[in-house]
N, C-alpha and C. Protein backbone atom coordinates (compact mmCIF):
# COMPACT_ATOMS: atom_id res chain seq x y z
N MET A 1 -39.12 9.58 -52.72
CA MET A 1 -38.20 9.02 -53.39
C MET A 1 -36.45 10.10 -53.20
N ASP A 2 -37.25 11.53 -53.90
CA ASP A 2 -36.09 11.99 -53.73
C ASP A 2 -35.31 12.68 -52.06
N LEU A 3 -36.18 12.49 -51.03
CA LEU A 3 -36.08 12.63 -49.80
C LEU A 3 -35.35 11.73 -49.80
N ILE A 4 -35.78 10.25 -50.20
CA ILE A 4 -34.69 8.64 -49.51
C ILE A 4 -33.30 9.46 -50.17
N GLN A 5 -33.24 9.58 -51.33
CA GLN A 5 -31.69 9.98 -52.11
C GLN A 5 -31.02 10.81 -51.93
N ASP A 6 -31.54 12.17 -51.28
CA ASP A 6 -30.70 13.54 -50.58
C ASP A 6 -30.05 12.69 -48.96
N THR A 7 -31.63 12.19 -48.28
CA THR A 7 -31.08 11.80 -47.22
C THR A 7 -30.05 10.58 -47.12
N ARG A 8 -30.39 10.24 -48.44
CA ARG A 8 -28.44 8.71 -47.82
C ARG A 8 -27.47 9.44 -48.33
N ALA A 9 -27.74 10.68 -49.36
CA ALA A 9 -26.30 11.13 -49.95
C ALA A 9 -25.21 12.21 -49.14
N LYS A 10 -26.55 12.91 -48.02
CA LYS A 10 -26.09 13.54 -46.75
C LYS A 10 -25.17 12.73 -46.02
N ALA A 11 -26.08 12.12 -45.49
CA ALA A 11 -25.55 10.86 -44.41
C ALA A 11 -23.83 10.08 -45.40
N THR A 12 -23.32 9.48 -46.70
CA THR A 12 -22.70 9.32 -46.87
C THR A 12 -21.26 10.02 -47.26
N ARG A 13 -22.21 12.07 -47.25
CA ARG A 13 -20.84 12.70 -46.97
C ARG A 13 -20.11 12.82 -45.10
N ALA A 14 -21.75 12.88 -45.00
CA ALA A 14 -21.19 13.23 -43.47
C ALA A 14 -20.15 11.48 -42.77
N LEU A 15 -20.45 11.16 -43.07
CA LEU A 15 -19.71 9.82 -42.48
C LEU A 15 -18.69 9.75 -43.63
N ALA A 16 -18.14 10.12 -44.54
CA ALA A 16 -16.98 9.80 -45.23
C ALA A 16 -15.53 10.59 -44.82
N VAL A 17 -14.72 10.06 -44.22
CA VAL A 17 -13.02 10.05 -44.34
C VAL A 17 -12.71 10.87 -45.51
N ASP A 18 -12.01 11.96 -45.34
CA ASP A 18 -11.31 12.41 -46.24
C ASP A 18 -9.89 12.11 -46.19
N GLY A 19 -9.92 10.67 -47.16
CA GLY A 19 -8.55 10.46 -47.16
C GLY A 19 -7.66 11.00 -47.58
N GLY A 20 -7.49 12.05 -48.72
CA GLY A 20 -6.77 13.26 -48.55
C GLY A 20 -6.09 14.10 -47.62
N ARG A 21 -6.43 14.32 -46.49
CA ARG A 21 -6.48 14.90 -45.48
C ARG A 21 -5.56 13.45 -44.37
N LEU A 22 -5.74 12.93 -44.83
CA LEU A 22 -4.64 11.97 -43.54
C LEU A 22 -3.49 11.33 -44.92
N TYR A 23 -3.80 10.43 -45.89
CA TYR A 23 -3.06 10.20 -46.35
C TYR A 23 -1.86 11.50 -46.66
N GLY A 24 -2.09 12.63 -47.02
CA GLY A 24 -1.47 13.32 -47.10
C GLY A 24 -0.31 13.94 -45.68
N ALA A 25 -1.40 13.97 -44.70
CA ALA A 25 -0.17 14.37 -43.70
C ALA A 25 0.42 13.48 -42.95
N TRP A 26 0.22 12.14 -43.50
CA TRP A 26 0.79 10.69 -43.52
C TRP A 26 1.70 11.32 -44.19
N GLY A 27 2.27 11.36 -45.71
CA GLY A 27 3.40 11.49 -46.57
C GLY A 27 3.38 12.56 -46.36
N LEU A 28 3.30 13.41 -45.69
CA LEU A 28 4.42 14.77 -45.36
C LEU A 28 5.48 14.43 -44.26
N ALA A 29 5.03 13.75 -43.15
CA ALA A 29 4.88 13.01 -41.98
C ALA A 29 6.20 12.06 -42.38
N TRP A 30 6.26 11.69 -43.02
CA TRP A 30 7.25 10.52 -43.03
C TRP A 30 8.19 11.25 -44.43
N LEU A 31 7.98 11.72 -44.86
CA LEU A 31 9.20 12.51 -45.77
C LEU A 31 9.75 13.53 -45.08
N LEU A 32 9.50 14.16 -43.99
CA LEU A 32 10.02 14.84 -43.49
C LEU A 32 10.80 14.49 -42.29
N GLY A 33 9.86 13.30 -42.12
CA GLY A 33 10.16 12.68 -40.67
C GLY A 33 11.39 11.63 -40.84
N PHE A 34 11.46 10.75 -41.76
CA PHE A 34 11.98 9.60 -42.13
C PHE A 34 13.61 10.59 -43.17
N GLY A 35 13.48 11.28 -43.84
CA GLY A 35 13.98 12.20 -43.92
C GLY A 35 15.26 13.29 -43.27
N ALA A 36 15.04 13.18 -42.16
CA ALA A 36 15.80 14.15 -41.09
C ALA A 36 16.55 12.54 -40.34
N ILE A 37 16.08 11.83 -40.24
CA ILE A 37 17.00 10.23 -39.90
C ILE A 37 17.89 10.41 -40.71
N TRP A 38 17.84 10.19 -42.35
CA TRP A 38 18.34 9.65 -43.43
C TRP A 38 19.88 11.12 -43.14
N LEU A 39 19.15 12.06 -43.05
CA LEU A 39 20.52 13.75 -43.22
C LEU A 39 20.90 13.41 -42.27
N SER A 40 20.45 12.93 -40.95
CA SER A 40 21.31 13.00 -39.22
C SER A 40 22.40 11.87 -40.29
N VAL A 41 22.57 10.69 -40.80
CA VAL A 41 23.39 9.38 -41.10
C VAL A 41 24.46 9.65 -42.23
N ARG A 42 23.59 10.36 -42.91
CA ARG A 42 24.38 10.08 -44.15
C ARG A 42 25.66 9.96 -44.76
N ALA A 43 26.37 10.81 -43.83
CA ALA A 43 27.89 11.03 -43.75
C ALA A 43 28.44 10.14 -43.38
N ASP A 44 27.83 8.88 -42.41
CA ASP A 44 28.41 8.11 -42.00
C ASP A 44 29.08 6.60 -42.68
N PRO A 45 29.61 6.25 -42.97
CA PRO A 45 30.36 4.92 -43.91
C PRO A 45 29.40 3.76 -43.11
N THR A 46 29.48 3.67 -41.95
CA THR A 46 29.07 3.23 -40.81
C THR A 46 27.77 3.56 -40.48
N TYR A 47 26.78 2.62 -39.76
CA TYR A 47 25.61 2.95 -38.85
C TYR A 47 25.66 3.49 -38.36
N ARG A 48 25.70 4.51 -37.82
CA ARG A 48 25.15 4.74 -36.06
C ARG A 48 23.66 5.77 -35.68
N THR A 49 23.73 5.62 -34.58
CA THR A 49 22.39 5.65 -34.74
C THR A 49 22.28 7.26 -34.46
N PRO A 50 21.29 7.18 -35.39
CA PRO A 50 20.68 8.61 -35.58
C PRO A 50 20.39 9.26 -34.25
N PRO A 51 21.10 10.82 -34.08
CA PRO A 51 20.92 11.65 -32.75
C PRO A 51 20.11 11.97 -32.90
N ALA A 52 19.76 12.48 -31.27
CA ALA A 52 18.13 12.74 -30.54
C ALA A 52 17.75 13.49 -31.24
N TRP A 53 17.98 15.28 -32.36
CA TRP A 53 16.75 15.98 -33.24
C TRP A 53 16.31 14.60 -34.29
N ALA A 54 17.14 14.44 -34.80
CA ALA A 54 16.05 13.59 -36.19
C ALA A 54 15.02 12.70 -34.87
N PHE A 55 15.43 12.39 -34.04
CA PHE A 55 14.66 10.75 -33.52
C PHE A 55 12.54 12.49 -32.94
N VAL A 56 13.30 13.56 -32.72
CA VAL A 56 12.01 14.53 -32.40
C VAL A 56 11.90 15.01 -33.81
N VAL A 57 12.19 15.06 -34.60
CA VAL A 57 11.56 15.80 -35.51
C VAL A 57 10.57 14.42 -35.89
N LEU A 58 11.19 13.42 -36.07
CA LEU A 58 10.13 12.14 -37.57
C LEU A 58 9.31 12.46 -35.63
N GLY A 59 9.64 12.46 -34.43
CA GLY A 59 7.99 12.02 -33.82
C GLY A 59 7.59 13.03 -33.43
N VAL A 60 7.53 14.45 -34.01
CA VAL A 60 6.91 15.67 -33.96
C VAL A 60 6.27 15.02 -35.13
N CYS A 61 6.53 14.61 -36.46
CA CYS A 61 6.03 14.31 -37.56
C CYS A 61 4.70 13.94 -37.74
N LEU A 62 5.18 12.47 -36.71
CA LEU A 62 4.50 11.27 -36.60
C LEU A 62 2.94 11.95 -36.05
N ALA A 63 3.61 12.33 -34.75
CA ALA A 63 2.22 12.95 -33.41
C ALA A 63 1.14 13.97 -34.18
N ALA A 64 1.99 15.08 -34.97
CA ALA A 64 1.27 15.50 -36.05
C ALA A 64 -0.04 14.77 -37.24
N ALA A 65 0.18 14.00 -37.54
CA ALA A 65 -0.14 13.17 -38.83
C ALA A 65 -1.28 12.22 -37.88
N LEU A 66 -0.75 11.66 -36.76
CA LEU A 66 -1.98 10.77 -36.21
C LEU A 66 -2.89 11.42 -35.73
N ALA A 67 -2.59 12.64 -35.14
CA ALA A 67 -3.36 13.86 -34.40
C ALA A 67 -4.82 14.05 -35.71
N ILE A 68 -4.11 14.83 -37.01
CA ILE A 68 -4.95 14.88 -38.13
C ILE A 68 -5.61 13.74 -38.15
N SER A 69 -5.05 12.69 -38.51
CA SER A 69 -6.07 11.69 -38.58
C SER A 69 -6.27 10.55 -37.11
N VAL A 70 -6.11 10.95 -35.79
CA VAL A 70 -7.20 10.67 -34.90
C VAL A 70 -9.17 12.16 -35.27
N LEU A 71 -8.64 13.64 -35.78
CA LEU A 71 -9.37 14.04 -35.73
C LEU A 71 -10.47 13.69 -37.11
N THR A 72 -9.94 14.03 -38.06
CA THR A 72 -10.43 13.13 -39.64
C THR A 72 -11.64 12.59 -39.05
N MET A 73 -11.41 11.28 -38.17
CA MET A 73 -11.88 9.89 -38.17
C MET A 73 -13.23 10.19 -37.38
N ASP A 74 -12.44 10.93 -36.40
CA ASP A 74 -13.54 11.27 -34.66
C ASP A 74 -14.78 12.11 -35.93
N ARG A 75 -14.59 13.06 -36.17
CA ARG A 75 -15.18 13.70 -37.18
C ARG A 75 -16.05 12.96 -37.87
N ALA A 76 -16.64 12.16 -38.87
CA ALA A 76 -16.70 11.15 -39.91
C ALA A 76 -17.63 10.09 -39.21
N ARG A 77 -17.04 9.74 -37.69
CA ARG A 77 -17.82 8.48 -36.96
C ARG A 77 -18.24 8.96 -35.96
N HIS A 78 -18.35 10.32 -35.56
CA HIS A 78 -18.58 10.48 -34.66
C HIS A 78 -20.66 10.46 -34.43
N GLY A 79 -21.21 9.29 -33.24
CA GLY A 79 -21.97 9.12 -33.24
C GLY A 79 -22.77 7.29 -34.09
N VAL A 80 -21.51 6.96 -34.48
CA VAL A 80 -21.82 5.78 -35.02
C VAL A 80 -22.06 4.76 -33.93
N THR A 81 -23.18 3.82 -34.34
CA THR A 81 -22.19 2.66 -32.77
C THR A 81 -22.90 1.42 -33.32
N GLY A 82 -22.78 0.39 -32.85
CA GLY A 82 -23.16 -0.65 -34.03
C GLY A 82 -21.68 -1.94 -33.32
N PRO A 83 -22.29 -2.97 -34.80
CA PRO A 83 -20.90 -3.47 -35.50
C PRO A 83 -19.84 -3.18 -35.75
N SER A 84 -19.95 -1.69 -36.49
CA SER A 84 -18.88 -0.99 -37.42
C SER A 84 -18.00 -0.24 -36.62
N SER A 85 -18.70 0.33 -35.31
CA SER A 85 -18.38 0.67 -34.51
C SER A 85 -16.70 0.07 -33.29
N THR A 86 -17.32 -1.39 -33.33
CA THR A 86 -17.03 -2.37 -32.74
C THR A 86 -15.69 -2.42 -33.55
N TRP A 87 -15.40 -3.20 -35.11
CA TRP A 87 -14.80 -3.42 -35.68
C TRP A 87 -13.68 -2.12 -35.78
N ARG A 88 -14.14 -0.84 -35.35
CA ARG A 88 -13.21 0.93 -35.70
C ARG A 88 -12.16 -0.27 -33.88
N LYS A 89 -13.17 -0.06 -33.49
CA LYS A 89 -12.19 -0.32 -32.07
C LYS A 89 -11.46 -0.90 -32.64
N TRP A 90 -11.42 -2.72 -32.39
CA TRP A 90 -10.86 -4.11 -32.43
C TRP A 90 -9.07 -3.48 -33.77
N TYR A 91 -9.76 -2.55 -34.70
CA TYR A 91 -8.71 -2.38 -35.52
C TYR A 91 -7.50 -1.19 -35.23
N GLY A 92 -8.68 -0.33 -34.06
CA GLY A 92 -7.29 0.66 -33.80
C GLY A 92 -6.64 -0.32 -32.46
N TRP A 93 -7.34 -1.29 -31.71
CA TRP A 93 -6.22 -1.87 -30.22
C TRP A 93 -5.39 -2.72 -31.61
N ALA A 94 -6.01 -3.45 -32.47
CA ALA A 94 -4.58 -3.74 -32.93
C ALA A 94 -3.62 -3.45 -34.08
N TRP A 95 -3.89 -2.28 -34.07
CA TRP A 95 -2.85 -1.49 -34.22
C TRP A 95 -1.84 -1.02 -33.04
N VAL A 96 -2.32 -1.00 -31.87
CA VAL A 96 -1.55 -0.82 -30.37
C VAL A 96 -0.66 -1.83 -29.97
N VAL A 97 -1.35 -2.95 -30.20
CA VAL A 97 -1.09 -4.16 -29.54
C VAL A 97 0.61 -4.49 -30.97
N SER A 98 0.09 -4.53 -31.71
CA SER A 98 1.20 -5.19 -33.10
C SER A 98 2.47 -3.65 -32.99
N PHE A 99 2.57 -1.92 -32.80
CA PHE A 99 3.30 -1.46 -32.35
C PHE A 99 3.66 -2.51 -31.69
N THR A 100 3.59 -2.17 -30.36
CA THR A 100 3.83 -2.66 -29.04
C THR A 100 5.25 -4.36 -28.98
N CYS A 101 4.54 -5.02 -29.63
CA CYS A 101 5.11 -6.72 -30.11
C CYS A 101 6.24 -5.54 -31.10
N VAL A 102 5.73 -5.19 -32.46
CA VAL A 102 7.37 -4.07 -32.21
C VAL A 102 8.26 -3.95 -31.60
N PHE A 103 8.26 -3.36 -30.75
CA PHE A 103 8.94 -2.94 -29.79
C PHE A 103 9.53 -3.51 -28.90
N LEU A 104 8.46 -4.13 -29.32
CA LEU A 104 9.60 -5.41 -27.69
C LEU A 104 10.56 -6.93 -28.75
N LEU A 105 9.73 -6.73 -29.64
CA LEU A 105 11.09 -7.53 -31.01
C LEU A 105 12.07 -6.44 -30.90
N THR A 106 12.42 -5.10 -31.12
CA THR A 106 13.32 -4.46 -31.16
C THR A 106 14.41 -4.44 -29.89
N ALA A 107 13.89 -4.39 -28.92
CA ALA A 107 14.23 -4.33 -27.38
C ALA A 107 15.00 -6.04 -27.30
N GLY A 108 14.21 -6.79 -28.19
CA GLY A 108 15.15 -8.72 -28.06
C GLY A 108 16.19 -8.09 -28.54
N VAL A 109 15.91 -8.27 -29.76
CA VAL A 109 16.90 -7.77 -30.67
C VAL A 109 18.43 -6.94 -30.42
N ALA A 110 17.99 -6.08 -29.27
CA ALA A 110 18.79 -5.01 -28.99
C ALA A 110 19.66 -6.10 -27.65
N HIS A 111 18.87 -6.38 -27.15
CA HIS A 111 19.59 -7.17 -26.00
C HIS A 111 20.52 -8.58 -25.54
N ALA A 112 20.13 -9.00 -27.01
CA ALA A 112 20.41 -10.74 -27.21
C ALA A 112 21.43 -10.14 -28.10
N GLY A 113 22.47 -8.29 -28.11
CA GLY A 113 24.09 -8.05 -28.59
C GLY A 113 23.78 -7.88 -29.86
N ALA A 114 22.38 -7.70 -30.40
CA ALA A 114 22.83 -7.42 -32.06
C ALA A 114 23.41 -5.95 -31.93
N SER A 115 24.28 -5.75 -33.23
CA SER A 115 25.08 -4.51 -33.91
C SER A 115 24.21 -3.59 -33.99
N ALA A 116 24.42 -2.06 -34.00
CA ALA A 116 23.76 -1.19 -33.91
C ALA A 116 22.81 -1.51 -35.71
N ALA A 117 23.44 -2.01 -36.71
CA ALA A 117 23.27 -1.37 -37.47
C ALA A 117 21.69 -2.50 -37.79
N VAL A 118 21.65 -3.26 -37.23
CA VAL A 118 20.79 -4.73 -37.58
C VAL A 118 19.64 -3.64 -36.49
N ILE A 119 19.42 -3.99 -35.45
CA ILE A 119 18.98 -2.72 -34.25
C ILE A 119 18.41 -1.91 -35.27
N GLY A 120 19.03 -0.69 -35.90
CA GLY A 120 18.05 0.27 -36.51
C GLY A 120 17.61 0.07 -37.90
N LEU A 121 17.73 -1.11 -38.74
CA LEU A 121 16.52 -1.90 -39.62
C LEU A 121 15.69 -2.73 -38.89
N VAL A 122 15.67 -3.27 -37.99
CA VAL A 122 14.91 -4.05 -37.04
C VAL A 122 13.14 -2.30 -36.57
N ALA A 123 13.80 -1.66 -35.93
CA ALA A 123 13.38 -0.69 -34.81
C ALA A 123 12.41 0.39 -36.43
N SER A 124 13.04 0.16 -37.49
CA SER A 124 12.30 1.43 -38.75
C SER A 124 12.10 -0.37 -39.84
N ALA A 125 11.83 -0.92 -40.12
CA ALA A 125 11.61 -1.61 -40.63
C ALA A 125 10.11 -2.31 -39.94
N GLY A 126 10.51 -2.76 -39.40
CA GLY A 126 9.06 -3.44 -37.74
C GLY A 126 7.35 -2.26 -37.94
N PRO A 127 7.97 -0.88 -37.48
CA PRO A 127 6.91 -0.87 -37.96
C PRO A 127 5.96 0.03 -38.81
N VAL A 128 7.21 -0.32 -40.56
CA VAL A 128 6.72 0.29 -41.53
C VAL A 128 5.68 -1.32 -42.00
N LEU A 129 6.50 -2.45 -41.70
CA LEU A 129 5.92 -3.88 -41.88
C LEU A 129 4.36 -3.79 -40.85
N VAL A 130 3.95 -3.49 -39.56
CA VAL A 130 2.71 -3.27 -39.02
C VAL A 130 1.91 -2.60 -40.17
N VAL A 131 2.42 -1.02 -40.77
CA VAL A 131 1.60 -0.73 -40.96
C VAL A 131 0.86 -0.79 -42.57
N SER A 132 2.34 -1.58 -43.31
CA SER A 132 1.76 -1.66 -44.39
C SER A 132 0.68 -3.36 -44.39
N VAL A 133 0.31 -4.15 -42.93
CA VAL A 133 0.14 -4.75 -43.02
C VAL A 133 -1.38 -4.53 -42.22
N MET A 134 -1.74 -3.60 -41.63
CA MET A 134 -2.86 -3.02 -41.56
C MET A 134 -3.39 -2.78 -42.51
N TYR A 135 -2.51 -1.67 -43.45
CA TYR A 135 -3.65 -1.08 -44.23
C TYR A 135 -3.89 -1.94 -45.26
N LEU A 136 -2.99 -3.40 -45.62
CA LEU A 136 -3.59 -4.02 -46.37
C LEU A 136 -4.74 -4.53 -46.10
N VAL A 137 -5.24 -4.59 -45.02
CA VAL A 137 -5.74 -5.62 -43.66
C VAL A 137 -7.15 -4.16 -43.32
N GLY A 138 -6.90 -3.22 -43.32
CA GLY A 138 -7.70 -2.17 -43.75
C GLY A 138 -8.23 -1.89 -44.35
N GLY A 139 -7.82 -2.01 -46.17
CA GLY A 139 -7.82 -1.62 -47.21
C GLY A 139 -9.26 -2.76 -47.74
N SER A 140 -9.00 -4.50 -47.33
CA SER A 140 -9.70 -5.68 -47.62
C SER A 140 -11.13 -5.52 -46.82
N LEU A 141 -10.69 -4.47 -45.58
CA LEU A 141 -12.30 -5.03 -44.56
C LEU A 141 -13.30 -3.22 -44.80
N TRP A 142 -12.90 -2.59 -45.60
CA TRP A 142 -13.45 -1.62 -45.99
C TRP A 142 -13.72 -1.69 -47.25
N HIS A 143 -13.20 -2.62 -48.03
CA HIS A 143 -13.42 -2.13 -49.69
C HIS A 143 -12.97 -1.11 -49.91
N ASP A 144 -11.31 -0.49 -49.53
CA ASP A 144 -10.68 0.91 -49.82
C ASP A 144 -9.60 0.36 -51.05
N GLY A 145 -9.60 0.61 -51.73
CA GLY A 145 -9.15 -0.03 -52.89
C GLY A 145 -7.65 0.92 -52.54
N THR A 146 -7.84 2.30 -52.39
CA THR A 146 -6.45 2.85 -52.20
C THR A 146 -5.83 2.56 -50.97
N MET A 147 -6.17 2.36 -50.35
CA MET A 147 -5.92 2.11 -48.69
C MET A 147 -4.72 0.69 -48.47
N PHE A 148 -5.23 0.02 -49.82
CA PHE A 148 -5.21 -1.68 -49.92
C PHE A 148 -3.47 -1.34 -51.06
N ILE A 149 -4.08 -0.53 -51.86
CA ILE A 149 -2.16 -0.85 -52.72
C ILE A 149 -1.79 0.44 -51.72
N ILE A 150 -2.23 1.50 -51.12
CA ILE A 150 -0.76 1.44 -50.04
C ILE A 150 -0.69 1.15 -49.27
N GLY A 151 -0.98 0.22 -48.69
CA GLY A 151 -0.08 -1.51 -47.91
C GLY A 151 0.49 -1.82 -48.92
N ALA A 152 0.24 -2.18 -49.67
CA ALA A 152 0.52 -3.39 -51.01
C ALA A 152 2.26 -2.38 -51.02
N TRP A 153 2.11 -1.29 -51.37
CA TRP A 153 3.52 -0.33 -51.77
C TRP A 153 4.30 -0.51 -50.77
N LEU A 154 3.59 0.10 -49.35
CA LEU A 154 4.99 -0.29 -48.29
C LEU A 154 5.69 -0.74 -47.88
N ALA A 155 4.39 -2.27 -47.89
CA ALA A 155 4.88 -3.89 -48.31
C ALA A 155 6.24 -4.25 -49.50
N LEU A 156 5.63 -3.33 -49.80
CA LEU A 156 6.85 -3.69 -51.40
C LEU A 156 7.98 -2.68 -50.66
N THR A 157 8.33 -1.29 -51.11
CA THR A 157 8.86 -0.65 -50.23
C THR A 157 9.86 -0.76 -49.65
N ILE A 158 9.78 -1.35 -48.17
CA ILE A 158 10.27 -2.42 -47.68
C ILE A 158 11.50 -2.98 -47.61
N GLY A 159 10.69 -4.36 -48.68
CA GLY A 159 11.45 -5.62 -48.84
C GLY A 159 12.67 -5.36 -49.45
N VAL A 160 11.95 -3.72 -50.73
CA VAL A 160 13.75 -3.81 -51.24
C VAL A 160 14.44 -2.77 -50.92
N ALA A 161 13.72 -1.20 -49.64
CA ALA A 161 14.71 -1.18 -48.99
C ALA A 161 15.77 -1.94 -47.79
N VAL A 162 15.42 -2.75 -47.72
CA VAL A 162 15.61 -3.57 -46.29
C VAL A 162 17.30 -3.97 -47.03
N LEU A 163 17.14 -3.87 -48.28
CA LEU A 163 18.73 -4.49 -49.07
C LEU A 163 20.01 -3.70 -49.43
N PHE A 164 19.16 -2.58 -49.07
CA PHE A 164 20.34 -1.13 -49.35
C PHE A 164 20.88 -1.32 -48.03
N GLY A 165 19.99 -1.43 -46.94
CA GLY A 165 21.18 -1.07 -45.90
C GLY A 165 20.54 0.00 -45.00
N THR A 166 20.59 -0.03 -43.62
CA THR A 166 19.80 0.98 -42.80
C THR A 166 19.61 2.45 -43.16
N VAL A 167 21.04 2.85 -43.71
CA VAL A 167 21.40 4.51 -44.08
C VAL A 167 20.33 4.50 -44.93
N THR A 168 20.07 3.84 -46.24
CA THR A 168 19.73 3.99 -46.99
C THR A 168 18.07 3.79 -47.47
N PHE A 169 17.66 2.89 -46.16
CA PHE A 169 16.51 2.43 -45.99
C PHE A 169 15.89 3.66 -45.53
N ASP A 170 16.20 4.46 -44.59
CA ASP A 170 15.61 5.74 -44.30
C ASP A 170 15.07 6.50 -45.53
N LEU A 171 15.89 6.62 -46.66
CA LEU A 171 15.79 7.30 -47.97
C LEU A 171 15.14 6.91 -47.90
N ILE A 172 14.74 5.43 -49.00
CA ILE A 172 14.06 5.34 -49.61
C ILE A 172 12.53 4.78 -48.88
N LEU A 173 12.60 4.47 -47.75
CA LEU A 173 11.59 5.38 -46.83
C LEU A 173 10.45 6.20 -47.00
N ALA A 174 11.66 7.41 -47.01
CA ALA A 174 11.10 9.44 -47.20
C ALA A 174 10.28 9.50 -48.54
N ILE A 175 10.88 9.25 -49.32
CA ILE A 175 10.66 9.22 -50.93
C ILE A 175 9.71 8.37 -50.95
N ALA A 176 9.71 6.46 -51.48
CA ALA A 176 8.73 5.69 -51.70
C ALA A 176 7.84 6.03 -50.60
N GLY A 177 8.19 5.80 -49.33
CA GLY A 177 6.81 5.27 -48.50
C GLY A 177 6.31 6.50 -48.20
N GLY A 178 6.72 7.92 -48.27
CA GLY A 178 6.14 9.15 -47.65
C GLY A 178 5.53 9.97 -49.61
N GLY A 179 6.37 9.18 -50.67
CA GLY A 179 5.60 10.23 -52.18
C GLY A 179 4.39 9.07 -51.90
N GLY A 180 5.52 7.23 -51.79
CA GLY A 180 3.57 7.03 -51.91
C GLY A 180 1.88 7.86 -51.37
N PHE A 181 2.06 8.12 -49.53
CA PHE A 181 0.77 8.23 -49.12
C PHE A 181 0.96 9.83 -50.14
N VAL A 182 1.98 10.57 -50.33
CA VAL A 182 1.90 11.66 -51.17
C VAL A 182 0.72 11.41 -52.37
N MET A 183 1.04 10.81 -53.72
CA MET A 183 -0.09 10.40 -54.31
C MET A 183 -1.09 9.76 -53.89
N ALA A 184 -0.97 9.40 -52.92
CA ALA A 184 -2.46 8.78 -52.62
C ALA A 184 -3.43 10.17 -52.16
N ALA A 185 -2.62 11.35 -51.12
CA ALA A 185 -4.09 11.36 -51.05
C ALA A 185 -4.12 12.65 -52.33
N LEU A 186 -3.37 12.60 -53.42
CA LEU A 186 -3.21 13.62 -55.00
C LEU A 186 -4.72 12.62 -55.53
N TYR A 187 -4.41 11.48 -55.51
CA TYR A 187 -5.33 10.58 -56.58
C TYR A 187 -6.76 10.84 -55.60
N ASP A 188 -6.33 10.75 -54.43
CA ASP A 188 -7.91 10.53 -53.44
C ASP A 188 -8.94 11.67 -53.30
N ARG A 189 -7.92 12.76 -53.52
CA ARG A 189 -8.44 14.55 -53.84
C ARG A 189 -9.86 14.30 -55.22
N HIS A 190 -8.81 13.72 -56.03
CA HIS A 190 -9.07 13.68 -57.79
C HIS A 190 -10.02 13.06 -58.16
N VAL A 191 -10.42 11.30 -57.07
CA VAL A 191 -11.75 11.13 -57.47
C VAL A 191 -12.50 11.32 -56.17
N SER A 192 -12.80 11.53 -55.08
CA SER A 192 -13.63 11.98 -54.01
C SER A 192 -14.27 13.47 -54.76
N PRO A 193 -15.85 13.30 -53.87
CA PRO A 193 -16.83 13.91 -54.91
C PRO A 193 -16.70 15.76 -53.60
């Protein structure tokens, strides 16, 4: 019986995803990336498209967080096959399809003649809405309360942030969105064995 329990414990540890690392990486990416976007436009009373350097900072931050996520998930799921592997692949493709649709929606709004402020709001809020819904679904699917709470927090954050306009939206996203991820990382580090 001890051998079975020991084997189960080792398997559980080997397959566990380091949520603290994932949430921490995304928290820093949002704090720095969306913070850079806000810093680049905060002085303007009317919204203007952020300069290229701000998008580079955001892109590098998000790419680094994505790389950490992929490596962390790959380590935890290496060699896992069967239905759970298939569901995770579908979940991954759901991210790709959803983000593609948001980018097409943003292009459509721009093509329809929307102002820079409206395009900026759609371009910022749309991806965050996808993230929040995917976290809600992922949390439900894998019975992960922290993931579900982050999804709910992000949904509420963007729901409130859009009311403040495009410039302030990026500040709220950096502080409340990034801060939410950092709090989740600290919580996960505290409760994980």
